[in-house]
C-alpha cells in the first residue's frame, strides 16, 4: 500500500484509521531518512490510540512507554544507538514480556534484539513537503491490518 500524506492532518487521519484496527499487540518498523515523518506518524498514532498527554521523541532515551486507552505502546527511536547491545542496558528483555504495540524507528540498527515486525512502513518525503508511506505486511497480523487499511481507503475514496 502506498499513501501520500500531504500534511499533519492527513497523517493524523491515517493514524486514526489504523488505530481503529486495534493494533495491540503488534510491531511496526518505521523506516526512512531523517525528516521523513517517522516521529510525527508515531506521535499521531499514539494520540489516536487515546493518549492525550505530550508524546516525547525517544531520541535520547531510546524508548518511551505510553499507557493509552487501547493499551500499552512502546515507542523506540534507535537513531542514536551506537551498539545494538545497548538495548540490554535499558531492559529490552522486560519490554518483550509486555502486551504492547511497538513503534520502532531505525529498526535496522538492532534487528537481532527486536521482535519481528508485523508491518514495515517505509517513509520518504514527497513533493511539496508531503510524506509518502509504503506499507508492507511482514506477518499474518500485518497482512490482516494491510487488507483492512486497503478496504478502508477504498471506502473513503468511494465516498469522496
N, C-alpha and C. Protein backbone atom coordinates (compact mmCIF):
# COMPACT_ATOMS: atom_id res chain seq x y z
N UNK A 1 0.85 -1.17 0.00
CA UNK A 1 0.00 0.00 0.00
C UNK A 1 0.90 1.24 0.00
N UNK A 2 0.59 2.17 -0.86
CA UNK A 2 1.30 3.44 -0.92
C UNK A 2 0.31 4.55 -0.60
N UNK A 3 0.74 5.42 0.29
CA UNK A 3 -0.14 6.52 0.71
C UNK A 3 0.66 7.81 0.78
N UNK A 4 0.13 8.88 0.21
CA UNK A 4 0.76 10.20 0.34
C UNK A 4 -0.01 10.99 1.38
N UNK A 5 0.74 11.54 2.33
CA UNK A 5 0.15 12.34 3.39
C UNK A 5 0.64 13.77 3.21
N UNK A 6 -0.19 14.65 2.67
CA UNK A 6 0.27 16.00 2.32
C UNK A 6 0.56 16.90 3.50
N UNK A 7 -0.01 16.58 4.68
CA UNK A 7 0.17 17.47 5.83
C UNK A 7 -0.09 16.69 7.11
N UNK A 8 0.06 17.37 8.24
CA UNK A 8 -0.13 16.73 9.53
C UNK A 8 -1.56 16.22 9.70
N UNK A 9 -2.54 16.93 9.20
CA UNK A 9 -3.93 16.49 9.30
C UNK A 9 -4.13 15.14 8.60
N UNK A 10 -3.50 14.96 7.45
CA UNK A 10 -3.61 13.69 6.73
C UNK A 10 -2.90 12.57 7.49
N UNK A 11 -1.77 12.89 8.11
CA UNK A 11 -1.05 11.92 8.92
C UNK A 11 -1.92 11.48 10.10
N UNK A 12 -2.55 12.44 10.76
CA UNK A 12 -3.42 12.13 11.89
C UNK A 12 -4.63 11.31 11.45
N UNK A 13 -5.19 11.60 10.28
CA UNK A 13 -6.33 10.84 9.76
C UNK A 13 -5.92 9.39 9.48
N UNK A 14 -4.74 9.20 8.88
CA UNK A 14 -4.25 7.84 8.62
C UNK A 14 -4.06 7.10 9.94
N UNK A 15 -3.50 7.77 10.93
CA UNK A 15 -3.28 7.16 12.24
C UNK A 15 -4.60 6.75 12.88
N UNK A 16 -5.63 7.60 12.76
CA UNK A 16 -6.95 7.25 13.31
C UNK A 16 -7.52 6.01 12.62
N UNK A 17 -7.38 5.94 11.28
CA UNK A 17 -7.84 4.76 10.55
C UNK A 17 -7.13 3.51 11.04
N UNK A 18 -5.82 3.62 11.22
CA UNK A 18 -5.06 2.47 11.67
C UNK A 18 -5.42 2.10 13.11
N UNK A 19 -5.60 3.07 13.97
CA UNK A 19 -5.93 2.82 15.38
C UNK A 19 -7.24 2.04 15.52
N UNK A 20 -8.16 2.23 14.60
CA UNK A 20 -9.45 1.51 14.63
C UNK A 20 -9.27 0.00 14.45
N UNK A 21 -8.11 -0.42 13.96
CA UNK A 21 -7.85 -1.85 13.72
C UNK A 21 -7.42 -2.58 14.98
N UNK A 22 -7.35 -1.89 16.10
CA UNK A 22 -6.91 -2.44 17.38
C UNK A 22 -5.55 -3.13 17.22
N UNK A 23 -4.51 -2.34 16.98
CA UNK A 23 -3.20 -2.92 16.67
C UNK A 23 -2.36 -3.32 17.88
N UNK A 24 -2.99 -3.63 19.00
CA UNK A 24 -2.23 -4.03 20.18
C UNK A 24 -2.61 -5.46 20.51
N UNK A 25 -1.67 -6.38 20.58
CA UNK A 25 -0.23 -6.21 20.42
C UNK A 25 0.17 -6.19 18.95
N UNK A 26 1.36 -5.71 18.71
CA UNK A 26 1.89 -5.69 17.36
C UNK A 26 3.22 -4.97 17.31
N UNK A 27 3.87 -5.09 16.17
CA UNK A 27 5.19 -4.47 15.99
C UNK A 27 5.23 -3.79 14.63
N UNK A 28 5.56 -2.50 14.65
CA UNK A 28 5.66 -1.73 13.41
C UNK A 28 7.05 -1.12 13.33
N UNK A 29 7.74 -1.40 12.25
CA UNK A 29 9.03 -0.78 11.99
C UNK A 29 8.79 0.45 11.13
N UNK A 30 9.29 1.59 11.59
CA UNK A 30 9.19 2.86 10.86
C UNK A 30 10.57 3.17 10.29
N UNK A 31 10.67 3.14 8.97
CA UNK A 31 11.96 3.29 8.31
C UNK A 31 11.93 4.50 7.38
N UNK A 32 13.08 5.15 7.24
CA UNK A 32 13.19 6.28 6.33
C UNK A 32 14.26 7.23 6.81
N UNK A 33 14.63 8.15 5.96
CA UNK A 33 15.66 9.12 6.28
C UNK A 33 15.20 10.08 7.38
N UNK A 34 16.15 10.84 7.91
CA UNK A 34 15.81 11.91 8.84
C UNK A 34 14.81 12.86 8.18
N UNK A 35 13.80 13.26 8.92
CA UNK A 35 12.81 14.20 8.38
C UNK A 35 11.73 13.56 7.54
N UNK A 36 11.72 12.24 7.46
CA UNK A 36 10.72 11.56 6.62
C UNK A 36 9.35 11.49 7.28
N UNK A 37 9.26 11.81 8.58
CA UNK A 37 7.97 11.83 9.25
C UNK A 37 7.70 10.67 10.19
N UNK A 38 8.71 9.90 10.51
CA UNK A 38 8.52 8.73 11.38
C UNK A 38 7.99 9.11 12.76
N UNK A 39 8.61 10.10 13.38
CA UNK A 39 8.17 10.51 14.72
C UNK A 39 6.78 11.15 14.67
N UNK A 40 6.51 11.93 13.64
CA UNK A 40 5.18 12.54 13.51
C UNK A 40 4.11 11.47 13.37
N UNK A 41 4.39 10.42 12.60
CA UNK A 41 3.42 9.33 12.45
C UNK A 41 3.25 8.59 13.78
N UNK A 42 4.35 8.30 14.46
CA UNK A 42 4.26 7.61 15.76
C UNK A 42 3.45 8.44 16.74
N UNK A 43 3.73 9.73 16.81
CA UNK A 43 3.01 10.63 17.72
C UNK A 43 1.51 10.63 17.40
N UNK A 44 1.17 10.72 16.11
CA UNK A 44 -0.24 10.72 15.70
C UNK A 44 -0.92 9.41 16.06
N UNK A 45 -0.22 8.31 15.90
CA UNK A 45 -0.81 7.00 16.22
C UNK A 45 -1.01 6.85 17.73
N UNK A 46 -0.04 7.28 18.52
CA UNK A 46 -0.18 7.20 19.97
C UNK A 46 -1.37 8.04 20.43
N UNK A 47 -1.53 9.23 19.88
CA UNK A 47 -2.70 10.05 20.23
C UNK A 47 -3.99 9.39 19.74
N UNK A 48 -3.98 8.81 18.55
CA UNK A 48 -5.18 8.16 18.01
C UNK A 48 -5.60 6.96 18.86
N UNK A 49 -4.65 6.36 19.55
CA UNK A 49 -4.96 5.22 20.42
C UNK A 49 -5.45 5.67 21.79
N UNK A 50 -5.55 6.99 22.00
CA UNK A 50 -6.17 7.50 23.21
C UNK A 50 -5.25 8.10 24.24
N UNK A 51 -4.02 8.40 23.89
CA UNK A 51 -3.12 9.06 24.83
C UNK A 51 -3.24 10.55 24.61
N UNK A 52 -3.60 11.29 25.67
CA UNK A 52 -3.90 12.71 25.49
C UNK A 52 -2.79 13.64 25.93
N UNK A 53 -1.76 13.13 26.57
CA UNK A 53 -0.68 13.98 27.06
C UNK A 53 0.38 14.17 25.97
N UNK A 54 1.45 14.84 26.31
CA UNK A 54 2.54 15.11 25.37
C UNK A 54 3.25 13.79 25.02
N UNK A 55 3.50 13.58 23.74
CA UNK A 55 4.27 12.43 23.27
C UNK A 55 5.66 12.92 22.94
N UNK A 56 6.63 12.43 23.70
CA UNK A 56 8.01 12.86 23.54
C UNK A 56 8.75 11.94 22.57
N UNK A 57 9.68 12.49 21.84
CA UNK A 57 10.52 11.68 20.98
C UNK A 57 11.52 10.92 21.85
N UNK A 58 11.68 9.63 21.62
CA UNK A 58 12.63 8.85 22.41
C UNK A 58 14.06 8.89 21.85
N UNK A 59 14.41 9.96 21.16
CA UNK A 59 15.73 10.05 20.54
C UNK A 59 16.85 9.84 21.55
N UNK A 60 16.75 10.42 22.73
CA UNK A 60 17.83 10.30 23.71
C UNK A 60 17.59 9.21 24.75
N UNK A 61 16.33 8.89 25.01
CA UNK A 61 16.02 7.85 26.00
C UNK A 61 15.94 6.47 25.37
N UNK A 62 15.87 6.39 24.06
CA UNK A 62 15.73 5.18 23.24
C UNK A 62 14.32 4.61 23.28
N UNK A 63 13.64 4.67 24.42
CA UNK A 63 12.28 4.13 24.49
C UNK A 63 11.43 5.00 25.40
N UNK A 64 10.19 5.21 24.97
CA UNK A 64 9.17 5.86 25.79
C UNK A 64 7.98 4.91 25.83
N UNK A 65 7.37 4.82 26.99
CA UNK A 65 6.25 3.93 27.22
C UNK A 65 4.99 4.76 27.43
N UNK A 66 3.89 4.39 26.75
CA UNK A 66 2.63 5.13 26.85
C UNK A 66 1.50 4.18 27.18
N UNK A 67 0.74 4.53 28.20
CA UNK A 67 -0.44 3.77 28.57
C UNK A 67 -1.63 4.46 27.91
N UNK A 68 -2.06 3.94 26.77
CA UNK A 68 -3.15 4.56 26.02
C UNK A 68 -4.48 3.89 26.39
N UNK A 69 -5.57 4.46 25.93
CA UNK A 69 -6.89 3.87 26.16
C UNK A 69 -6.98 2.48 25.54
N UNK A 70 -6.22 2.24 24.46
CA UNK A 70 -6.26 0.95 23.77
C UNK A 70 -5.28 -0.06 24.36
N UNK A 71 -4.31 0.40 25.14
CA UNK A 71 -3.30 -0.49 25.71
C UNK A 71 -1.92 0.16 25.67
N UNK A 72 -0.92 -0.62 26.00
CA UNK A 72 0.44 -0.14 26.10
C UNK A 72 1.07 0.06 24.71
N UNK A 73 1.76 1.21 24.55
CA UNK A 73 2.53 1.48 23.34
C UNK A 73 3.96 1.76 23.75
N UNK A 74 4.90 1.13 23.08
CA UNK A 74 6.33 1.37 23.26
C UNK A 74 6.84 2.05 22.01
N UNK A 75 7.42 3.22 22.18
CA UNK A 75 7.97 3.98 21.04
C UNK A 75 9.48 3.98 21.20
N UNK A 76 10.17 3.37 20.26
CA UNK A 76 11.62 3.30 20.28
C UNK A 76 12.18 4.11 19.12
N UNK A 77 13.24 4.85 19.39
CA UNK A 77 13.98 5.57 18.35
C UNK A 77 15.44 5.16 18.52
N UNK A 78 15.93 4.35 17.59
CA UNK A 78 17.27 3.77 17.71
C UNK A 78 18.32 4.52 16.91
N UNK A 79 18.00 5.73 16.47
CA UNK A 79 18.93 6.51 15.65
C UNK A 79 20.28 6.71 16.35
N UNK A 80 20.26 7.02 17.62
CA UNK A 80 21.49 7.33 18.36
C UNK A 80 22.15 6.09 18.97
N UNK A 81 21.61 4.93 18.69
CA UNK A 81 22.17 3.69 19.20
C UNK A 81 23.54 3.46 18.58
N UNK A 82 24.56 3.29 19.41
CA UNK A 82 25.90 3.05 18.91
C UNK A 82 26.11 1.56 18.66
N UNK A 83 25.73 0.75 19.64
CA UNK A 83 25.84 -0.71 19.54
C UNK A 83 24.48 -1.31 19.90
N UNK A 84 24.05 -2.30 19.15
CA UNK A 84 22.75 -2.92 19.41
C UNK A 84 22.66 -3.47 20.83
N UNK A 85 23.79 -3.89 21.39
CA UNK A 85 23.80 -4.45 22.74
C UNK A 85 23.33 -3.44 23.80
N UNK A 86 23.35 -2.15 23.48
CA UNK A 86 22.88 -1.13 24.42
C UNK A 86 21.44 -1.37 24.84
N UNK A 87 20.68 -2.05 23.98
CA UNK A 87 19.28 -2.32 24.32
C UNK A 87 19.16 -3.21 25.55
N UNK A 88 20.17 -4.03 25.80
CA UNK A 88 20.17 -4.85 27.01
C UNK A 88 20.19 -3.97 28.25
N UNK A 89 20.92 -2.85 28.20
CA UNK A 89 21.07 -1.97 29.36
C UNK A 89 19.79 -1.21 29.70
N UNK A 90 18.92 -1.03 28.72
CA UNK A 90 17.66 -0.33 29.02
C UNK A 90 16.54 -1.31 29.38
N UNK A 91 16.87 -2.59 29.48
CA UNK A 91 15.89 -3.58 29.91
C UNK A 91 14.98 -4.06 28.80
N UNK A 92 15.49 -4.19 27.60
CA UNK A 92 14.66 -4.61 26.47
C UNK A 92 13.97 -5.94 26.75
N UNK A 93 14.64 -6.86 27.42
CA UNK A 93 14.02 -8.16 27.71
C UNK A 93 12.72 -8.00 28.50
N UNK A 94 12.70 -7.03 29.42
CA UNK A 94 11.48 -6.79 30.19
C UNK A 94 10.36 -6.28 29.28
N UNK A 95 10.69 -5.44 28.32
CA UNK A 95 9.69 -4.92 27.39
C UNK A 95 9.11 -6.03 26.52
N UNK A 96 9.93 -7.03 26.20
CA UNK A 96 9.46 -8.13 25.36
C UNK A 96 8.32 -8.91 26.01
N UNK A 97 8.22 -8.83 27.33
CA UNK A 97 7.17 -9.54 28.06
C UNK A 97 5.84 -8.78 28.06
N UNK A 98 5.85 -7.53 27.61
CA UNK A 98 4.65 -6.70 27.67
C UNK A 98 3.77 -6.92 26.45
N UNK A 99 2.47 -6.90 26.68
CA UNK A 99 1.49 -6.96 25.62
C UNK A 99 1.33 -5.53 25.10
N UNK A 100 2.03 -5.18 24.04
CA UNK A 100 2.12 -3.78 23.63
C UNK A 100 2.20 -3.66 22.11
N UNK A 101 1.98 -2.45 21.66
CA UNK A 101 2.27 -2.07 20.29
C UNK A 101 3.65 -1.45 20.30
N UNK A 102 4.55 -1.99 19.51
CA UNK A 102 5.91 -1.47 19.37
C UNK A 102 5.96 -0.61 18.13
N UNK A 103 6.39 0.63 18.28
CA UNK A 103 6.65 1.52 17.15
C UNK A 103 8.16 1.77 17.18
N UNK A 104 8.87 1.24 16.19
CA UNK A 104 10.33 1.25 16.23
C UNK A 104 10.89 2.04 15.06
N UNK A 105 11.50 3.18 15.39
CA UNK A 105 12.20 3.98 14.38
C UNK A 105 13.64 3.48 14.29
N UNK A 106 14.17 3.42 13.09
CA UNK A 106 15.54 2.95 12.82
C UNK A 106 15.75 1.51 13.30
N UNK A 107 14.84 0.59 13.00
CA UNK A 107 14.97 -0.79 13.50
C UNK A 107 16.22 -1.51 12.97
N UNK A 108 16.70 -1.10 11.81
CA UNK A 108 17.85 -1.77 11.20
C UNK A 108 19.10 -1.71 12.08
N UNK A 109 19.10 -0.84 13.07
CA UNK A 109 20.26 -0.70 13.96
C UNK A 109 20.30 -1.80 15.04
N UNK A 110 19.23 -2.58 15.17
CA UNK A 110 19.21 -3.59 16.23
C UNK A 110 18.26 -4.74 15.93
N UNK A 111 18.17 -5.17 14.70
CA UNK A 111 17.19 -6.18 14.32
C UNK A 111 17.29 -7.46 15.15
N UNK A 112 18.50 -7.88 15.50
CA UNK A 112 18.67 -9.13 16.25
C UNK A 112 18.06 -9.06 17.65
N UNK A 113 17.83 -7.86 18.17
CA UNK A 113 17.31 -7.68 19.52
C UNK A 113 15.82 -7.38 19.55
N UNK A 114 15.24 -7.09 18.42
CA UNK A 114 13.85 -6.64 18.36
C UNK A 114 12.90 -7.79 18.02
N UNK A 115 11.65 -7.67 18.45
CA UNK A 115 10.66 -8.64 17.97
C UNK A 115 10.45 -8.41 16.48
N UNK A 116 10.09 -9.45 15.74
CA UNK A 116 9.88 -9.28 14.30
C UNK A 116 8.69 -8.37 14.01
N UNK A 117 8.79 -7.66 12.91
CA UNK A 117 7.75 -6.70 12.52
C UNK A 117 6.49 -7.41 12.01
N UNK A 118 5.36 -6.78 12.30
CA UNK A 118 4.10 -7.15 11.65
C UNK A 118 3.91 -6.28 10.40
N UNK A 119 4.29 -5.01 10.53
CA UNK A 119 4.25 -4.07 9.41
C UNK A 119 5.58 -3.35 9.33
N UNK A 120 6.01 -3.08 8.11
CA UNK A 120 7.13 -2.18 7.86
C UNK A 120 6.57 -0.99 7.10
N UNK A 121 6.81 0.18 7.63
CA UNK A 121 6.36 1.40 6.96
C UNK A 121 7.61 2.16 6.53
N UNK A 122 7.83 2.21 5.23
CA UNK A 122 8.94 2.96 4.67
C UNK A 122 8.42 4.35 4.34
N UNK A 123 9.08 5.35 4.93
CA UNK A 123 8.62 6.73 4.77
C UNK A 123 9.66 7.54 4.02
N UNK A 124 9.16 8.47 3.20
CA UNK A 124 10.04 9.37 2.48
C UNK A 124 9.31 10.69 2.24
N UNK A 125 10.09 11.69 1.92
CA UNK A 125 9.50 12.98 1.56
C UNK A 125 9.04 12.92 0.12
N UNK A 126 7.86 13.44 -0.13
CA UNK A 126 7.32 13.52 -1.49
C UNK A 126 7.35 14.99 -1.91
N UNK A 127 6.67 15.30 -2.98
CA UNK A 127 6.64 16.68 -3.46
C UNK A 127 5.96 17.61 -2.46
N UNK A 128 6.41 18.84 -2.45
CA UNK A 128 5.82 19.93 -1.64
C UNK A 128 5.74 19.60 -0.16
N UNK A 129 6.72 18.82 0.34
CA UNK A 129 6.78 18.54 1.77
C UNK A 129 5.85 17.45 2.25
N UNK A 130 5.14 16.80 1.35
CA UNK A 130 4.28 15.69 1.75
C UNK A 130 5.15 14.49 2.14
N UNK A 131 4.54 13.59 2.89
CA UNK A 131 5.22 12.36 3.27
C UNK A 131 4.59 11.20 2.53
N UNK A 132 5.42 10.29 2.08
CA UNK A 132 4.94 9.09 1.38
C UNK A 132 5.16 7.88 2.28
N UNK A 133 4.10 7.10 2.47
CA UNK A 133 4.19 5.84 3.21
C UNK A 133 4.11 4.70 2.21
N UNK A 134 5.01 3.76 2.35
CA UNK A 134 4.91 2.49 1.63
C UNK A 134 4.82 1.44 2.72
N UNK A 135 3.66 0.81 2.82
CA UNK A 135 3.37 -0.10 3.93
C UNK A 135 3.45 -1.54 3.41
N UNK A 136 4.26 -2.34 4.12
CA UNK A 136 4.48 -3.75 3.76
C UNK A 136 4.06 -4.64 4.92
N UNK A 137 3.28 -5.66 4.66
CA UNK A 137 2.95 -6.65 5.68
C UNK A 137 4.15 -7.58 5.86
N UNK A 138 4.45 -7.94 7.11
CA UNK A 138 5.58 -8.81 7.39
C UNK A 138 5.17 -10.01 8.25
N UNK A 139 3.86 -10.17 8.48
CA UNK A 139 3.34 -11.29 9.27
C UNK A 139 1.87 -11.46 8.91
N UNK A 140 1.25 -12.56 9.35
CA UNK A 140 -0.20 -12.70 9.11
C UNK A 140 -1.00 -11.55 9.74
N UNK A 141 -0.61 -11.10 10.94
CA UNK A 141 -1.29 -9.97 11.57
C UNK A 141 -1.15 -8.73 10.70
N UNK A 142 0.06 -8.50 10.20
CA UNK A 142 0.31 -7.35 9.33
C UNK A 142 -0.50 -7.43 8.04
N UNK A 143 -0.64 -8.64 7.50
CA UNK A 143 -1.45 -8.83 6.29
C UNK A 143 -2.90 -8.46 6.57
N UNK A 144 -3.42 -8.89 7.72
CA UNK A 144 -4.80 -8.53 8.09
C UNK A 144 -4.96 -7.02 8.21
N UNK A 145 -3.99 -6.35 8.87
CA UNK A 145 -4.06 -4.90 9.02
C UNK A 145 -4.02 -4.22 7.66
N UNK A 146 -3.12 -4.67 6.80
CA UNK A 146 -2.96 -4.05 5.49
C UNK A 146 -4.23 -4.22 4.65
N UNK A 147 -4.82 -5.40 4.70
CA UNK A 147 -6.08 -5.63 3.96
C UNK A 147 -7.18 -4.72 4.49
N UNK A 148 -7.28 -4.58 5.81
CA UNK A 148 -8.32 -3.72 6.40
C UNK A 148 -8.07 -2.26 6.03
N UNK A 149 -6.81 -1.83 6.03
CA UNK A 149 -6.49 -0.45 5.64
C UNK A 149 -6.83 -0.21 4.17
N UNK A 150 -6.57 -1.20 3.33
CA UNK A 150 -6.86 -1.07 1.90
C UNK A 150 -8.37 -0.94 1.69
N UNK A 151 -9.15 -1.75 2.40
CA UNK A 151 -10.61 -1.68 2.30
C UNK A 151 -11.10 -0.33 2.80
N UNK A 152 -10.55 0.12 3.94
CA UNK A 152 -10.97 1.43 4.49
C UNK A 152 -10.62 2.54 3.52
N UNK A 153 -9.46 2.49 2.89
CA UNK A 153 -9.06 3.52 1.93
C UNK A 153 -9.97 3.50 0.70
N UNK A 154 -10.34 2.32 0.25
CA UNK A 154 -11.24 2.22 -0.91
C UNK A 154 -12.60 2.80 -0.56
N UNK A 155 -13.06 2.54 0.66
CA UNK A 155 -14.35 3.08 1.11
C UNK A 155 -14.34 4.58 1.18
N UNK A 156 -13.22 5.14 1.65
CA UNK A 156 -13.12 6.59 1.71
C UNK A 156 -13.09 7.21 0.32
N UNK A 157 -12.41 6.55 -0.61
CA UNK A 157 -12.34 7.06 -1.98
C UNK A 157 -13.71 7.03 -2.64
N UNK A 158 -14.50 5.98 -2.35
CA UNK A 158 -15.81 5.86 -2.96
C UNK A 158 -16.77 6.93 -2.44
N UNK A 159 -16.54 7.40 -1.21
CA UNK A 159 -17.44 8.41 -0.63
C UNK A 159 -17.00 9.83 -0.92
N UNK A 160 -15.83 9.98 -1.49
CA UNK A 160 -15.29 11.34 -1.73
C UNK A 160 -15.95 12.00 -2.93
